[in-house]
Amino acid sequence: MKRILGVITLLVVAVLLVACAPANSDKAKAKMEKAGYTCAWTANKEVGDDGEVGYLTATKGNSIGSLIDGALAGDGLVAVQYDTAAHAKKAFNDSKNAEGKTDAVLVGKWVISGSDAAIKAFKK
């Protein structure tokens, strides 16, 4: 019985995490702009060999320099969407260093790197 409850709990958590992720880059952009972020590069594209289908950068700034620097160092993020959860998981695992650590976060079909505040806004 405990095992069944554990599996059900895990499935509910997984569904909630995936349900919070935007369906595409345009929806991700709208979500981040609503949260007060400026988005510079947004792309929905054909599926590539690696399964990448979307891309987004966002930051709390208003110049290109702040977008580039902010997305990587300040309050911002870089998010890449994949066509399947398997491709996203592979990209996430590929981002790990030799010690098995990464700054990236896996959210459904998205792999996200950035500040805690920006990632929280993206997941919301």
Protein backbone atom coordinates (compact mmCIF):
# COMPACT_ATOMS: atom_id res chain seq x y z
CA MET A 1 0.00 0.00 0.00
CA LYS A 2 2.84 2.41 0.84
CA ARG A 3 4.46 1.64 -2.48
CA ILE A 4 1.26 2.44 -4.39
CA LEU A 5 0.85 5.74 -2.52
CA GLY A 6 4.49 6.58 -3.26
CA VAL A 7 4.02 5.94 -6.98
CA ILE A 8 0.82 8.00 -7.07
CA THR A 9 2.54 10.87 -5.24
CA LEU A 10 5.47 10.76 -7.67
CA LEU A 11 3.13 10.84 -10.68
CA VAL A 12 1.18 13.80 -9.28
CA VAL A 13 4.40 15.75 -8.65
CA ALA A 14 5.66 14.96 -12.17
CA VAL A 15 2.38 16.09 -13.75
CA LEU A 16 2.43 19.34 -11.75
CA LEU A 17 6.00 20.10 -12.81
CA VAL A 18 5.26 19.49 -16.48
CA ALA A 19 1.97 21.40 -16.30
CA CYS A 20 3.83 24.50 -15.08
CA ALA A 21 6.22 24.56 -18.04
CA PRO A 22 5.16 26.72 -21.01
CA ALA A 23 4.13 24.87 -24.17
CA ASN A 24 6.46 26.85 -26.46
CA SER A 25 8.86 29.80 -26.59
CA ASP A 26 6.12 32.34 -27.32
CA LYS A 27 4.19 31.29 -24.21
CA ALA A 28 7.40 31.27 -22.18
CA LYS A 29 8.14 34.81 -23.38
CA ALA A 30 4.66 36.00 -22.41
CA LYS A 31 5.00 34.38 -18.99
CA MET A 32 8.40 35.96 -18.32
CA GLU A 33 7.30 39.40 -19.56
CA LYS A 34 4.28 39.22 -17.26
CA ALA A 35 6.72 38.54 -14.39
CA GLY A 36 8.67 41.71 -15.31
CA TYR A 37 11.49 40.22 -17.37
CA THR A 38 12.73 41.46 -20.74
CA CYS A 39 13.16 38.77 -23.39
CA ALA A 40 15.77 39.24 -26.10
CA TRP A 41 15.97 36.06 -28.11
CA THR A 42 12.97 33.84 -28.58
CA ALA A 43 12.75 31.14 -31.20
CA ASN A 44 10.36 28.36 -32.08
CA LYS A 45 12.00 26.22 -34.71
CA GLU A 46 11.94 22.92 -36.53
CA VAL A 47 13.19 19.93 -34.61
CA GLY A 48 16.96 19.59 -34.94
CA ASP A 49 19.09 16.46 -34.55
CA ASP A 50 19.33 17.10 -30.81
CA GLY A 51 15.55 17.62 -30.48
CA GLU A 52 15.81 21.35 -29.75
CA VAL A 53 12.61 23.18 -30.71
CA GLY A 54 12.67 26.45 -28.77
CA TYR A 55 14.97 28.96 -27.11
CA LEU A 56 14.49 31.93 -24.78
CA THR A 57 16.66 34.42 -22.90
CA ALA A 58 15.18 36.72 -20.28
CA THR A 59 16.51 39.18 -17.70
CA LYS A 60 15.48 42.06 -15.47
CA GLY A 61 17.20 44.71 -17.58
CA ASN A 62 16.57 46.77 -20.68
CA SER A 63 19.73 46.72 -22.77
CA ILE A 64 21.34 44.01 -24.86
CA GLY A 65 24.39 44.03 -22.61
CA SER A 66 22.29 43.54 -19.51
CA LEU A 67 20.37 40.76 -21.25
CA ILE A 68 23.51 38.85 -22.12
CA ASP A 69 25.19 39.45 -18.76
CA GLY A 70 21.99 39.24 -16.71
CA ALA A 71 20.78 35.99 -18.20
CA LEU A 72 24.03 34.34 -17.26
CA ALA A 73 25.11 36.16 -14.09
CA GLY A 74 22.32 38.36 -12.70
CA ASP A 75 18.55 37.98 -12.48
CA GLY A 76 17.81 36.18 -15.73
CA LEU A 77 17.77 32.87 -17.51
CA VAL A 78 18.47 30.97 -20.67
CA ALA A 79 15.91 28.25 -21.46
CA VAL A 80 16.01 25.64 -24.21
CA GLN A 81 12.97 23.54 -25.12
CA TYR A 82 13.19 20.03 -26.58
CA ASP A 83 10.62 17.99 -28.50
CA THR A 84 10.62 15.17 -25.95
CA ALA A 85 11.37 14.78 -22.26
CA ALA A 86 14.04 12.22 -23.23
CA HIS A 87 15.93 14.78 -25.37
CA ALA A 88 15.64 17.34 -22.55
CA LYS A 89 16.98 14.83 -20.03
CA LYS A 90 19.90 13.98 -22.32
CA ALA A 91 20.77 17.69 -22.72
CA PHE A 92 20.44 18.17 -18.96
CA ASN A 93 22.75 15.22 -18.28
CA ASP A 94 25.21 16.49 -20.92
CA SER A 95 25.40 19.82 -19.05
CA LYS A 96 26.85 18.12 -15.97
CA ASN A 97 30.54 18.53 -15.20
CA ALA A 98 32.98 15.75 -14.28
CA GLU A 99 31.66 15.73 -10.70
CA GLY A 100 28.10 15.27 -11.96
CA LYS A 101 27.01 18.82 -11.04
CA THR A 102 25.20 21.39 -13.16
CA ASP A 103 23.61 24.80 -12.72
CA ALA A 104 20.84 23.78 -15.11
CA VAL A 105 17.34 22.79 -14.06
CA LEU A 106 15.13 20.31 -15.89
CA VAL A 107 11.46 21.35 -16.09
CA GLY A 108 9.40 19.08 -18.33
CA LYS A 109 10.86 19.49 -21.84
CA TRP A 110 12.87 22.61 -20.85
CA VAL A 111 16.49 22.86 -19.68
CA ILE A 112 16.98 26.16 -17.85
CA SER A 113 20.06 27.95 -16.50
CA GLY A 114 19.85 31.19 -14.57
CA SER A 115 19.04 32.87 -11.29
CA ASP A 116 16.78 31.25 -8.72
CA ALA A 117 14.26 34.11 -9.03
CA ALA A 118 14.07 33.82 -12.84
CA ILE A 119 13.71 30.04 -12.73
CA LYS A 120 10.96 30.38 -10.12
CA ALA A 121 9.12 32.88 -12.37
CA PHE A 122 9.49 30.51 -15.33
CA LYS A 123 8.06 27.58 -13.36
CA LYS A 124 5.19 29.57 -11.84
